[in-house]
Amino acid sequence: MSKYLKEFWFDKRILFLACASIFYAAIVIGTPYSKWMWTALVGGIALFFVAEYFIHRFALHGFISSVMPNAHKGHEEHHNHPNNNEFLLTPNAYNVPVHFALSVLFIILFQSYHLGFAVMLGFGAYQLFYEWTHFVSHRPIIPWTPWGKWMKKHHLLHHYKDEAHYFGVTHPAFDMLLGTDHSLVNVDGKKKAEL
């Protein structure tokens, strides 16, 4: 396990996300407290929670892929070589400008460094969780929790069974809501009965 922890945490993409998250935390701690700080933090988590599915489904696999051809091509390489670390984590060519642009956007939107960086702290922390979950899915690591084991299986269904379904990596919420989780469908194509 230590081999994989080292591989993960010393990757330049993860180092960027970790340093960015530490920076966001330092700004949040070092600026005057706002009663909205926790709401902003949870908002950042929610933003990545939603973005995970929609970017994966529509920008990396779907109709928006033509707008981001390099991202789509990189994601195709990930599908062609799912265990190759080069294509496993989000490239800094996307991380850096996205984090910068969102930071500026939220600072302007809230007129507050404190709240803007609180959103980014939630966003960055959840992105680290996403990257770790995705990393574990493609390494011979057995997740510790039943949830982690289930999500690893869910993601590997996307790679090895049906890449037009199972877009969630850390959660299946939108797969379930939007019908891209075929494990909810019987062989005859009808939805399984609610429990």
C-alpha atoms as a PDB file:
ATOM      1  CA  MET A   1       0.000   0.000   0.000  1.00  0.00           C
ATOM      2  CA  SER A   2       2.829   2.434   0.802  1.00  0.00           C
ATOM      3  CA  LYS A   3       4.083   2.059  -2.777  1.00  0.00           C
ATOM      4  CA  TYR A   4       0.720   3.305  -4.086  1.00  0.00           C
ATOM      5  CA  LEU A   5       0.430   6.081  -1.505  1.00  0.00           C
ATOM      6  CA  LYS A   6       3.844   7.352  -2.585  1.00  0.00           C
ATOM      7  CA  GLU A   7       2.924   7.045  -6.272  1.00  0.00           C
ATOM      8  CA  PHE A   8      -0.265   9.033  -5.652  1.00  0.00           C
ATOM      9  CA  TRP A   9       0.952  11.797  -3.317  1.00  0.00           C
ATOM     10  CA  PHE A  10       4.183  12.501  -5.198  1.00  0.00           C
ATOM     11  CA  ASP A  11       2.491  12.855  -8.571  1.00  0.00           C
ATOM     12  CA  LYS A  12       2.767  16.470  -9.796  1.00  0.00           C
ATOM     13  CA  ARG A  13      -0.993  16.651 -10.429  1.00  0.00           C
ATOM     14  CA  ILE A  14      -1.799  15.614  -6.869  1.00  0.00           C
ATOM     15  CA  LEU A  15       0.927  17.875  -5.477  1.00  0.00           C
ATOM     16  CA  PHE A  16      -0.715  20.803  -7.255  1.00  0.00           C
ATOM     17  CA  LEU A  17      -4.158  19.956  -5.853  1.00  0.00           C
ATOM     18  CA  ALA A  18      -2.781  19.396  -2.348  1.00  0.00           C
ATOM     19  CA  CYS A  19      -0.800  22.667  -2.393  1.00  0.00           C
ATOM     20  CA  ALA A  20      -3.782  24.558  -3.792  1.00  0.00           C
ATOM     21  CA  SER A  21      -6.035  23.140  -1.064  1.00  0.00           C
ATOM     22  CA  ILE A  22      -3.518  24.077   1.641  1.00  0.00           C
ATOM     23  CA  PHE A  23      -3.330  27.579   0.151  1.00  0.00           C
ATOM     24  CA  TYR A  24      -7.140  27.861   0.145  1.00  0.00           C
ATOM     25  CA  ALA A  25      -7.276  26.687   3.770  1.00  0.00           C
ATOM     26  CA  ALA A  26      -4.604  29.223   4.794  1.00  0.00           C
ATOM     27  CA  ILE A  27      -6.587  32.073   3.196  1.00  0.00           C
ATOM     28  CA  VAL A  28      -9.838  30.913   4.835  1.00  0.00           C
ATOM     29  CA  ILE A  29      -8.143  30.676   8.249  1.00  0.00           C
ATOM     30  CA  GLY A  30      -6.239  33.945   7.768  1.00  0.00           C
ATOM     31  CA  THR A  31      -9.190  36.131   6.741  1.00  0.00           C
ATOM     32  CA  PRO A  32     -12.060  37.415   8.895  1.00  0.00           C
ATOM     33  CA  TYR A  33     -14.621  34.700   9.661  1.00  0.00           C
ATOM     34  CA  SER A  34     -17.994  34.778   7.924  1.00  0.00           C
ATOM     35  CA  LYS A  35     -21.073  32.917   9.147  1.00  0.00           C
ATOM     36  CA  TRP A  36     -21.430  31.730   5.520  1.00  0.00           C
ATOM     37  CA  MET A  37     -18.036  30.019   5.473  1.00  0.00           C
ATOM     38  CA  TRP A  38     -19.407  26.491   6.057  1.00  0.00           C
ATOM     39  CA  THR A  39     -22.091  27.012   3.428  1.00  0.00           C
ATOM     40  CA  ALA A  40     -19.432  28.124   0.937  1.00  0.00           C
ATOM     41  CA  LEU A  41     -17.258  25.120   1.812  1.00  0.00           C
ATOM     42  CA  VAL A  42     -20.159  22.694   1.296  1.00  0.00           C
ATOM     43  CA  GLY A  43     -21.034  24.572  -1.910  1.00  0.00           C
ATOM     44  CA  GLY A  44     -17.543  23.832  -3.265  1.00  0.00           C
ATOM     45  CA  ILE A  45     -17.952  20.161  -2.421  1.00  0.00           C
ATOM     46  CA  ALA A  46     -21.369  20.130  -4.107  1.00  0.00           C
ATOM     47  CA  LEU A  47     -19.943  21.855  -7.189  1.00  0.00           C
ATOM     48  CA  PHE A  48     -17.373  19.119  -7.747  1.00  0.00           C
ATOM     49  CA  PHE A  49     -19.937  16.431  -6.799  1.00  0.00           C
ATOM     50  CA  VAL A  50     -22.120  17.622  -9.702  1.00  0.00           C
ATOM     51  CA  ALA A  51     -19.270  18.430 -12.110  1.00  0.00           C
ATOM     52  CA  GLU A  52     -17.775  14.931 -11.764  1.00  0.00           C
ATOM     53  CA  TYR A  53     -20.701  13.295 -13.558  1.00  0.00           C
ATOM     54  CA  PHE A  54     -21.538  15.971 -16.120  1.00  0.00           C
ATOM     55  CA  ILE A  55     -17.951  16.572 -17.253  1.00  0.00           C
ATOM     56  CA  HIS A  56     -17.325  12.839 -17.525  1.00  0.00           C
ATOM     57  CA  ARG A  57     -20.540  12.126 -19.387  1.00  0.00           C
ATOM     58  CA  PHE A  58     -20.815  15.119 -21.707  1.00  0.00           C
ATOM     59  CA  ALA A  59     -17.306  16.592 -22.104  1.00  0.00           C
ATOM     60  CA  LEU A  60     -15.239  13.411 -22.045  1.00  0.00           C
ATOM     61  CA  HIS A  61     -17.723  11.038 -23.702  1.00  0.00           C
ATOM     62  CA  GLY A  62     -20.594  13.067 -25.101  1.00  0.00           C
ATOM     63  CA  PHE A  63     -21.574  15.872 -27.406  1.00  0.00           C
ATOM     64  CA  ILE A  64     -19.422  18.553 -25.713  1.00  0.00           C
ATOM     65  CA  SER A  65     -16.270  16.521 -26.425  1.00  0.00           C
ATOM     66  CA  SER A  66     -15.791  18.419 -29.696  1.00  0.00           C
ATOM     67  CA  VAL A  67     -15.427  21.645 -27.668  1.00  0.00           C
ATOM     68  CA  MET A  68     -12.615  20.055 -25.641  1.00  0.00           C
ATOM     69  CA  PRO A  69     -10.897  17.742 -28.161  1.00  0.00           C
ATOM     70  CA  ASN A  70      -7.640  17.412 -26.188  1.00  0.00           C
ATOM     71  CA  ALA A  71      -9.510  16.400 -23.021  1.00  0.00           C
ATOM     72  CA  HIS A  72     -11.560  13.915 -25.034  1.00  0.00           C
ATOM     73  CA  LYS A  73      -8.428  12.483 -26.668  1.00  0.00           C
ATOM     74  CA  GLY A  74      -6.713  12.172 -23.273  1.00  0.00           C
ATOM     75  CA  HIS A  75      -9.757  10.419 -21.882  1.00  0.00           C
ATOM     76  CA  GLU A  76      -9.793   8.023 -24.847  1.00  0.00           C
ATOM     77  CA  GLU A  77      -6.171   7.213 -24.030  1.00  0.00           C
ATOM     78  CA  HIS A  78      -7.257   6.520 -20.443  1.00  0.00           C
ATOM     79  CA  HIS A  79      -9.826   4.038 -21.776  1.00  0.00           C
ATOM     80  CA  ASN A  80      -7.241   2.470 -24.092  1.00  0.00           C
ATOM     81  CA  HIS A  81      -4.665   2.241 -21.255  1.00  0.00           C
ATOM     82  CA  PRO A  82      -6.745   2.343 -18.040  1.00  0.00           C
ATOM     83  CA  ASN A  83      -3.878   1.479 -15.690  1.00  0.00           C
ATOM     84  CA  ASN A  84      -1.323   3.869 -17.196  1.00  0.00           C
ATOM     85  CA  ASN A  85      -0.655   6.611 -14.626  1.00  0.00           C
ATOM     86  CA  GLU A  86      -0.012   9.160 -17.392  1.00  0.00           C
ATOM     87  CA  PHE A  87      -3.726   9.110 -18.300  1.00  0.00           C
ATOM     88  CA  LEU A  88      -5.141   8.295 -14.860  1.00  0.00           C
ATOM     89  CA  LEU A  89      -5.260  11.674 -13.107  1.00  0.00           C
ATOM     90  CA  THR A  90      -6.572  15.050 -14.253  1.00  0.00           C
ATOM     91  CA  PRO A  91      -3.740  16.897 -16.054  1.00  0.00           C
ATOM     92  CA  ASN A  92      -2.456  20.155 -14.587  1.00  0.00           C
ATOM     93  CA  ALA A  93      -3.100  21.698 -18.002  1.00  0.00           C
ATOM     94  CA  TYR A  94      -6.756  21.646 -16.818  1.00  0.00           C
ATOM     95  CA  ASN A  95      -6.284  21.797 -13.036  1.00  0.00           C
ATOM     96  CA  VAL A  96      -4.322  25.062 -12.990  1.00  0.00           C
ATOM     97  CA  PRO A  97      -6.574  27.205 -15.214  1.00  0.00           C
ATOM     98  CA  VAL A  98      -9.795  25.757 -13.744  1.00  0.00           C
ATOM     99  CA  HIS A  99      -8.689  26.415 -10.163  1.00  0.00           C
ATOM    100  CA  PHE A 100      -7.463  29.898 -11.059  1.00  0.00           C
ATOM    101  CA  ALA A 101     -10.616  30.842 -12.994  1.00  0.00           C
ATOM    102  CA  LEU A 102     -12.974  29.475 -10.341  1.00  0.00           C
ATOM    103  CA  SER A 103     -11.026  31.244  -7.585  1.00  0.00           C
ATOM    104  CA  VAL A 104     -11.344  34.571  -9.375  1.00  0.00           C
ATOM    105  CA  LEU A 105     -15.014  33.916 -10.182  1.00  0.00           C
ATOM    106  CA  PHE A 106     -15.972  33.105  -6.577  1.00  0.00           C
ATOM    107  CA  ILE A 107     -13.958  35.972  -5.088  1.00  0.00           C
ATOM    108  CA  ILE A 108     -15.734  38.391  -7.445  1.00  0.00           C
ATOM    109  CA  LEU A 109     -19.131  36.732  -6.952  1.00  0.00           C
ATOM    110  CA  PHE A 110     -18.964  36.847  -3.145  1.00  0.00           C
ATOM    111  CA  GLN A 111     -16.820  40.009  -2.930  1.00  0.00           C
ATOM    112  CA  SER A 112     -14.803  38.107  -0.332  1.00  0.00           C
ATOM    113  CA  TYR A 113     -11.503  36.244  -0.341  1.00  0.00           C
ATOM    114  CA  HIS A 114     -12.720  34.321   2.695  1.00  0.00           C
ATOM    115  CA  LEU A 115     -15.865  32.959   1.028  1.00  0.00           C
ATOM    116  CA  GLY A 116     -14.302  32.590  -2.418  1.00  0.00           C
ATOM    117  CA  PHE A 117     -11.495  30.452  -1.062  1.00  0.00           C
ATOM    118  CA  ALA A 118     -13.886  28.538   1.207  1.00  0.00           C
ATOM    119  CA  VAL A 119     -15.696  27.386  -1.943  1.00  0.00           C
ATOM    120  CA  MET A 120     -12.361  26.479  -3.504  1.00  0.00           C
ATOM    121  CA  LEU A 121     -11.268  24.577  -0.384  1.00  0.00           C
ATOM    122  CA  GLY A 122     -14.378  22.397  -0.645  1.00  0.00           C
ATOM    123  CA  PHE A 123     -13.864  22.007  -4.396  1.00  0.00           C
ATOM    124  CA  GLY A 124     -10.158  21.146  -4.057  1.00  0.00           C
ATOM    125  CA  ALA A 125     -10.672  18.723  -1.158  1.00  0.00           C
ATOM    126  CA  TYR A 126     -13.409  16.878  -3.043  1.00  0.00           C
ATOM    127  CA  GLN A 127     -11.259  16.777  -6.164  1.00  0.00           C
ATOM    128  CA  LEU A 128      -8.484  15.123  -4.141  1.00  0.00           C
ATOM    129  CA  PHE A 129     -11.046  12.574  -2.914  1.00  0.00           C
ATOM    130  CA  TYR A 130     -12.151  12.034  -6.528  1.00  0.00           C
ATOM    131  CA  GLU A 131      -8.572  11.562  -7.755  1.00  0.00           C
ATOM    132  CA  TRP A 132      -7.828   9.077  -4.948  1.00  0.00           C
ATOM    133  CA  THR A 133     -11.037   7.117  -5.631  1.00  0.00           C
ATOM    134  CA  HIS A 134     -10.218   6.996  -9.346  1.00  0.00           C
ATOM    135  CA  PHE A 135      -6.610   6.019  -8.622  1.00  0.00           C
ATOM    136  CA  VAL A 136      -7.729   3.168  -6.332  1.00  0.00           C
ATOM    137  CA  SER A 137     -10.127   1.946  -9.023  1.00  0.00           C
ATOM    138  CA  HIS A 138      -7.192   1.355 -11.380  1.00  0.00           C
ATOM    139  CA  ARG A 139      -4.628  -0.001  -8.940  1.00  0.00           C
ATOM    140  CA  PRO A 140      -4.552  -3.394  -7.205  1.00  0.00           C
ATOM    141  CA  ILE A 141      -5.768  -1.789  -3.985  1.00  0.00           C
ATOM    142  CA  ILE A 142      -8.697  -3.187  -2.037  1.00  0.00           C
ATOM    143  CA  PRO A 143     -10.739  -0.264  -0.665  1.00  0.00           C
ATOM    144  CA  TRP A 144     -11.273  -0.326   3.105  1.00  0.00           C
ATOM    145  CA  THR A 145     -14.991   0.419   3.117  1.00  0.00           C
ATOM    146  CA  PRO A 146     -17.980  -1.332   1.521  1.00  0.00           C
ATOM    147  CA  TRP A 147     -18.763   1.976  -0.230  1.00  0.00           C
ATOM    148  CA  GLY A 148     -15.243   2.149  -1.673  1.00  0.00           C
ATOM    149  CA  LYS A 149     -15.441  -1.457  -2.883  1.00  0.00           C
ATOM    150  CA  TRP A 150     -18.820  -0.799  -4.490  1.00  0.00           C
ATOM    151  CA  MET A 151     -17.639   2.401  -6.217  1.00  0.00           C
ATOM    152  CA  LYS A 152     -14.530   0.666  -7.540  1.00  0.00           C
ATOM    153  CA  LYS A 153     -16.769  -1.990  -9.078  1.00  0.00           C
ATOM    154  CA  HIS A 154     -19.118   0.728 -10.412  1.00  0.00           C
ATOM    155  CA  HIS A 155     -16.259   2.571 -12.117  1.00  0.00           C
ATOM    156  CA  LEU A 156     -14.748  -0.592 -13.558  1.00  0.00           C
ATOM    157  CA  LEU A 157     -18.135  -1.428 -15.110  1.00  0.00           C
ATOM    158  CA  HIS A 158     -17.721   1.846 -17.042  1.00  0.00           C
ATOM    159  CA  HIS A 159     -14.319   0.707 -18.319  1.00  0.00           C
ATOM    160  CA  TYR A 160     -14.867  -2.971 -18.950  1.00  0.00           C
ATOM    161  CA  LYS A 161     -18.606  -3.420 -19.517  1.00  0.00           C
ATOM    162  CA  ASP A 162     -20.232  -0.279 -20.937  1.00  0.00           C
ATOM    163  CA  GLU A 163     -18.468   3.058 -21.352  1.00  0.00           C
ATOM    164  CA  ALA A 164     -21.779   4.727 -22.263  1.00  0.00           C
ATOM    165  CA  HIS A 165     -22.935   4.171 -18.670  1.00  0.00           C
ATOM    166  CA  TYR A 166     -21.610   4.286 -15.083  1.00  0.00           C
ATOM    167  CA  PHE A 167     -20.087   7.791 -15.212  1.00  0.00           C
ATOM    168  CA  GLY A 168     -19.868   8.350 -11.458  1.00  0.00           C
ATOM    169  CA  VAL A 169     -16.476   7.752  -9.856  1.00  0.00           C
ATOM    170  CA  THR A 170     -17.100   8.774  -6.227  1.00  0.00           C
ATOM    171  CA  HIS A 171     -20.888   8.379  -6.235  1.00  0.00           C
ATOM    172  CA  PRO A 172     -23.629   6.920  -8.469  1.00  0.00           C
ATOM    173  CA  ALA A 173     -26.251   9.616  -7.723  1.00  0.00           C
ATOM    174  CA  PHE A 174     -26.579  11.040 -11.223  1.00  0.00           C
ATOM    175  CA  ASP A 175     -26.198   7.611 -12.843  1.00  0.00           C
ATOM    176  CA  MET A 176     -29.236   6.537 -10.844  1.00  0.00           C
ATOM    177  CA  LEU A 177     -31.196   9.746 -11.446  1.00  0.00           C
ATOM    178  CA  LEU A 178     -30.441   9.999 -15.169  1.00  0.00           C
ATOM    179  CA  GLY A 179     -30.620   6.324 -16.110  1.00  0.00           C
ATOM    180  CA  THR A 180     -26.949   5.630 -16.793  1.00  0.00           C
ATOM    181  CA  ASP A 181     -26.688   2.901 -14.133  1.00  0.00           C
ATOM    182  CA  HIS A 182     -27.721  -0.322 -15.856  1.00  0.00           C
ATOM    183  CA  SER A 183     -27.445  -2.275 -12.616  1.00  0.00           C
ATOM    184  CA  LEU A 184     -30.895  -0.797 -11.856  1.00  0.00           C
ATOM    185  CA  VAL A 185     -32.388  -2.433 -14.971  1.00  0.00           C
ATOM    186  CA  ASN A 186     -33.509  -6.069 -15.329  1.00  0.00           C
ATOM    187  CA  VAL A 187     -32.560  -8.221 -18.307  1.00  0.00           C
ATOM    188  CA  ASP A 188     -35.907  -7.381 -19.973  1.00  0.00           C
ATOM    189  CA  GLY A 189     -35.024  -3.647 -19.882  1.00  0.00           C
ATOM    190  CA  LYS A 190     -37.497  -2.692 -17.143  1.00  0.00           C
ATOM    191  CA  LYS A 191     -36.463  -0.856 -13.997  1.00  0.00           C
ATOM    192  CA  LYS A 192     -35.952  -3.069 -10.966  1.00  0.00           C
ATOM    193  CA  ALA A 193     -38.599  -2.715  -8.271  1.00  0.00           C
ATOM    194  CA  GLU A 194     -37.924  -0.171  -5.570  1.00  0.00           C
ATOM    195  CA  LEU A 195     -36.795  -1.716  -2.305  1.00  0.00           C
END
